């Protein structure tokens, strides 16, 4: 166990940050799943709306360090290509 005040504070802070980051990751995953379900359903309007909601959240996750920037860009690009291929 930690003995210094600063080490105890660091442990508390890490627990809070981990919880926040997990929420962010799960939110991003959920939005990406909604896009995939809409694409599988074949409705382009619903898929475009889901992509429009997911893209800023994915990029926000990249800016906050939850996802790597290139990974976020790749995922957005591939989802956009799938949505455009519906028509």
N, C-alpha and C. Protein backbone atom coordinates (compact mmCIF):
# COMPACT_ATOMS: atom_id res chain seq x y z
N UNK A 1 0.84 -1.19 0.00
CA UNK A 1 0.00 0.00 0.00
C UNK A 1 0.88 1.24 0.00
N UNK A 2 0.38 2.30 -0.57
CA UNK A 2 1.13 3.54 -0.64
C UNK A 2 1.23 4.18 0.74
N UNK A 3 2.34 4.87 0.98
CA UNK A 3 2.58 5.49 2.28
C UNK A 3 2.52 7.01 2.22
N UNK A 4 2.68 7.59 1.05
CA UNK A 4 2.72 9.04 0.94
C UNK A 4 1.36 9.58 0.53
N UNK A 5 1.08 10.80 0.98
CA UNK A 5 -0.18 11.44 0.61
C UNK A 5 -0.32 11.56 -0.90
N UNK A 6 0.77 11.94 -1.55
CA UNK A 6 0.71 12.13 -3.00
C UNK A 6 0.44 10.82 -3.72
N UNK A 7 0.99 9.71 -3.20
CA UNK A 7 0.77 8.41 -3.83
C UNK A 7 -0.68 7.97 -3.64
N UNK A 8 -1.24 8.25 -2.48
CA UNK A 8 -2.65 7.91 -2.24
C UNK A 8 -3.55 8.73 -3.16
N UNK A 9 -3.22 10.00 -3.33
CA UNK A 9 -4.00 10.85 -4.22
C UNK A 9 -3.89 10.35 -5.66
N UNK A 10 -2.70 9.93 -6.06
CA UNK A 10 -2.50 9.43 -7.42
C UNK A 10 -3.36 8.17 -7.65
N UNK A 11 -3.45 7.31 -6.66
CA UNK A 11 -4.28 6.11 -6.78
C UNK A 11 -5.74 6.48 -6.96
N UNK A 12 -6.22 7.43 -6.13
CA UNK A 12 -7.61 7.88 -6.26
C UNK A 12 -7.87 8.49 -7.63
N UNK A 13 -6.94 9.31 -8.09
CA UNK A 13 -7.10 9.98 -9.38
C UNK A 13 -7.11 8.96 -10.52
N UNK A 14 -6.22 7.97 -10.44
CA UNK A 14 -6.18 6.94 -11.48
C UNK A 14 -7.49 6.17 -11.55
N UNK A 15 -8.08 5.88 -10.41
CA UNK A 15 -9.35 5.16 -10.41
C UNK A 15 -10.45 5.99 -11.08
N UNK A 16 -10.48 7.30 -10.78
CA UNK A 16 -11.48 8.17 -11.40
C UNK A 16 -11.28 8.26 -12.90
N UNK A 17 -10.02 8.44 -13.33
CA UNK A 17 -9.73 8.60 -14.76
C UNK A 17 -10.06 7.30 -15.51
N UNK A 18 -9.75 6.15 -14.89
CA UNK A 18 -10.03 4.88 -15.53
C UNK A 18 -11.53 4.71 -15.74
N UNK A 19 -12.32 5.09 -14.75
CA UNK A 19 -13.78 4.98 -14.89
C UNK A 19 -14.28 5.88 -16.01
N UNK A 20 -13.77 7.10 -16.07
CA UNK A 20 -14.19 8.03 -17.12
C UNK A 20 -13.79 7.52 -18.49
N UNK A 21 -12.57 7.03 -18.62
CA UNK A 21 -12.11 6.54 -19.92
C UNK A 21 -12.90 5.31 -20.36
N UNK A 22 -13.26 4.44 -19.42
CA UNK A 22 -14.06 3.27 -19.78
C UNK A 22 -15.43 3.69 -20.29
N UNK A 23 -16.02 4.71 -19.66
CA UNK A 23 -17.31 5.21 -20.14
C UNK A 23 -17.18 5.76 -21.55
N UNK A 24 -16.10 6.48 -21.81
CA UNK A 24 -15.89 7.05 -23.14
C UNK A 24 -15.73 5.96 -24.19
N UNK A 25 -14.94 4.95 -23.88
CA UNK A 25 -14.71 3.87 -24.83
C UNK A 25 -16.01 3.13 -25.11
N UNK A 26 -16.80 2.86 -24.06
CA UNK A 26 -18.05 2.12 -24.27
C UNK A 26 -19.04 2.96 -25.07
N UNK A 27 -19.04 4.29 -24.87
CA UNK A 27 -19.93 5.15 -25.65
C UNK A 27 -19.55 5.11 -27.12
N UNK A 28 -18.25 5.16 -27.40
CA UNK A 28 -17.77 5.11 -28.79
C UNK A 28 -18.14 3.78 -29.42
N UNK A 29 -17.92 2.68 -28.69
CA UNK A 29 -18.24 1.35 -29.23
C UNK A 29 -19.73 1.22 -29.52
N UNK A 30 -20.55 1.74 -28.61
CA UNK A 30 -21.99 1.66 -28.81
C UNK A 30 -22.44 2.42 -30.04
N UNK A 31 -21.87 3.60 -30.26
CA UNK A 31 -22.23 4.38 -31.44
C UNK A 31 -21.77 3.69 -32.72
N UNK A 32 -20.58 3.07 -32.67
CA UNK A 32 -20.10 2.36 -33.85
C UNK A 32 -20.99 1.15 -34.14
N UNK A 33 -21.46 0.48 -33.10
CA UNK A 33 -22.36 -0.66 -33.30
C UNK A 33 -23.68 -0.21 -33.91
N UNK A 34 -24.16 0.97 -33.52
CA UNK A 34 -25.41 1.48 -34.11
C UNK A 34 -25.24 1.72 -35.60
N UNK A 35 -24.07 2.23 -36.00
CA UNK A 35 -23.81 2.44 -37.43
C UNK A 35 -23.79 1.10 -38.14
N UNK A 36 -23.13 0.12 -37.57
CA UNK A 36 -23.04 -1.19 -38.20
C UNK A 36 -24.41 -1.85 -38.32
N UNK A 37 -25.25 -1.70 -37.30
CA UNK A 37 -26.60 -2.27 -37.37
C UNK A 37 -27.42 -1.59 -38.45
N UNK A 38 -27.27 -0.26 -38.57
CA UNK A 38 -28.01 0.47 -39.60
C UNK A 38 -27.55 0.05 -40.99
N UNK A 39 -26.25 -0.17 -41.15
CA UNK A 39 -25.72 -0.62 -42.45
C UNK A 39 -26.26 -2.02 -42.75
N UNK A 40 -26.26 -2.89 -41.74
CA UNK A 40 -26.77 -4.24 -41.95
C UNK A 40 -28.27 -4.22 -42.28
N UNK A 41 -28.98 -3.25 -41.72
CA UNK A 41 -30.40 -3.12 -42.01
C UNK A 41 -30.67 -2.61 -43.41
N UNK A 42 -29.72 -1.92 -44.00
CA UNK A 42 -29.84 -1.46 -45.38
C UNK A 42 -30.54 -0.14 -45.55
N UNK A 43 -30.86 0.56 -44.47
CA UNK A 43 -31.52 1.86 -44.57
C UNK A 43 -30.46 2.95 -44.54
N UNK A 44 -30.27 3.61 -45.69
CA UNK A 44 -29.18 4.57 -45.80
C UNK A 44 -29.41 5.82 -44.95
N UNK A 45 -30.66 6.27 -44.83
CA UNK A 45 -30.94 7.47 -44.04
C UNK A 45 -30.61 7.24 -42.57
N UNK A 46 -31.01 6.10 -42.05
CA UNK A 46 -30.72 5.77 -40.65
C UNK A 46 -29.21 5.62 -40.46
N UNK A 47 -28.55 5.00 -41.43
CA UNK A 47 -27.10 4.80 -41.34
C UNK A 47 -26.36 6.13 -41.37
N UNK A 48 -26.79 7.04 -42.22
CA UNK A 48 -26.14 8.36 -42.29
C UNK A 48 -26.33 9.12 -40.98
N UNK A 49 -27.53 9.05 -40.42
CA UNK A 49 -27.78 9.72 -39.14
C UNK A 49 -26.91 9.12 -38.03
N UNK A 50 -26.78 7.80 -38.02
CA UNK A 50 -25.95 7.15 -37.01
C UNK A 50 -24.49 7.53 -37.19
N UNK A 51 -24.04 7.60 -38.44
CA UNK A 51 -22.65 8.00 -38.71
C UNK A 51 -22.42 9.44 -38.29
N UNK A 52 -23.40 10.30 -38.56
CA UNK A 52 -23.28 11.71 -38.18
C UNK A 52 -23.17 11.87 -36.67
N UNK A 53 -23.84 11.00 -35.92
CA UNK A 53 -23.76 11.03 -34.46
C UNK A 53 -22.46 10.41 -33.96
N UNK A 54 -21.97 9.38 -34.65
CA UNK A 54 -20.80 8.64 -34.16
C UNK A 54 -19.48 9.35 -34.46
N UNK A 55 -19.38 9.98 -35.62
CA UNK A 55 -18.10 10.54 -36.04
C UNK A 55 -17.52 11.55 -35.04
N UNK A 56 -18.27 12.56 -34.58
CA UNK A 56 -17.66 13.50 -33.64
C UNK A 56 -17.29 12.85 -32.32
N UNK A 57 -18.06 11.85 -31.89
CA UNK A 57 -17.75 11.19 -30.63
C UNK A 57 -16.47 10.37 -30.75
N UNK A 58 -16.27 9.74 -31.90
CA UNK A 58 -15.04 8.97 -32.12
C UNK A 58 -13.84 9.90 -32.14
N UNK A 59 -13.96 11.02 -32.83
CA UNK A 59 -12.84 11.95 -32.91
C UNK A 59 -12.58 12.60 -31.55
N UNK A 60 -13.63 12.82 -30.77
CA UNK A 60 -13.46 13.36 -29.43
C UNK A 60 -12.69 12.36 -28.57
N UNK A 61 -13.00 11.08 -28.74
CA UNK A 61 -12.26 10.05 -28.02
C UNK A 61 -10.80 10.04 -28.41
N UNK A 62 -10.53 10.30 -29.70
CA UNK A 62 -9.13 10.35 -30.15
C UNK A 62 -8.41 11.56 -29.56
N UNK A 63 -9.09 12.69 -29.50
CA UNK A 63 -8.47 13.88 -28.94
C UNK A 63 -8.18 13.72 -27.46
N UNK A 64 -9.01 12.95 -26.77
CA UNK A 64 -8.82 12.77 -25.34
C UNK A 64 -7.92 11.59 -25.01
N UNK A 65 -7.42 10.90 -26.03
CA UNK A 65 -6.45 9.84 -25.80
C UNK A 65 -7.04 8.48 -25.48
N UNK A 66 -8.35 8.33 -25.66
CA UNK A 66 -8.97 7.04 -25.39
C UNK A 66 -8.70 6.08 -26.55
N UNK A 67 -8.69 6.61 -27.77
CA UNK A 67 -8.40 5.84 -28.98
C UNK A 67 -7.24 6.56 -29.68
N UNK A 68 -6.41 5.80 -30.38
CA UNK A 68 -5.35 6.45 -31.14
C UNK A 68 -5.95 7.19 -32.32
N UNK A 69 -5.30 8.27 -32.72
CA UNK A 69 -5.84 9.13 -33.77
C UNK A 69 -6.01 8.40 -35.10
N UNK A 70 -5.01 7.62 -35.50
CA UNK A 70 -5.10 6.91 -36.78
C UNK A 70 -6.20 5.85 -36.74
N UNK A 71 -6.36 5.21 -35.59
CA UNK A 71 -7.41 4.21 -35.45
C UNK A 71 -8.78 4.86 -35.61
N UNK A 72 -8.97 6.02 -34.98
CA UNK A 72 -10.25 6.72 -35.08
C UNK A 72 -10.52 7.13 -36.53
N UNK A 73 -9.51 7.67 -37.19
CA UNK A 73 -9.69 8.08 -38.58
C UNK A 73 -10.01 6.89 -39.47
N UNK A 74 -9.32 5.78 -39.25
CA UNK A 74 -9.57 4.58 -40.04
C UNK A 74 -10.99 4.07 -39.85
N UNK A 75 -11.44 4.05 -38.60
CA UNK A 75 -12.79 3.54 -38.33
C UNK A 75 -13.85 4.43 -38.96
N UNK A 76 -13.67 5.76 -38.85
CA UNK A 76 -14.64 6.68 -39.45
C UNK A 76 -14.65 6.51 -40.96
N UNK A 77 -13.48 6.39 -41.55
CA UNK A 77 -13.37 6.25 -43.00
C UNK A 77 -14.07 4.97 -43.47
N UNK A 78 -13.83 3.87 -42.79
CA UNK A 78 -14.43 2.60 -43.20
C UNK A 78 -15.95 2.60 -42.99
N UNK A 79 -16.40 3.22 -41.91
CA UNK A 79 -17.84 3.31 -41.70
C UNK A 79 -18.49 4.17 -42.77
N UNK A 80 -17.85 5.28 -43.13
CA UNK A 80 -18.40 6.16 -44.18
C UNK A 80 -18.47 5.41 -45.51
N UNK A 81 -17.44 4.62 -45.79
CA UNK A 81 -17.45 3.86 -47.05
C UNK A 81 -18.58 2.84 -47.06
N UNK A 82 -18.84 2.19 -45.91
CA UNK A 82 -19.94 1.22 -45.84
C UNK A 82 -21.29 1.90 -46.01
N UNK A 83 -21.42 3.08 -45.39
CA UNK A 83 -22.70 3.81 -45.50
C UNK A 83 -22.93 4.24 -46.94
N UNK A 84 -21.89 4.74 -47.60
CA UNK A 84 -22.03 5.18 -48.98
C UNK A 84 -22.28 4.00 -49.93
N UNK A 85 -21.83 2.81 -49.57
CA UNK A 85 -22.00 1.65 -50.45
C UNK A 85 -23.42 1.11 -50.42
N UNK A 86 -24.24 1.57 -49.48
CA UNK A 86 -25.62 1.07 -49.38
C UNK A 86 -26.41 1.43 -50.63
N UNK A 87 -26.23 2.64 -51.13
CA UNK A 87 -27.05 3.11 -52.26
C UNK A 87 -26.75 2.37 -53.49
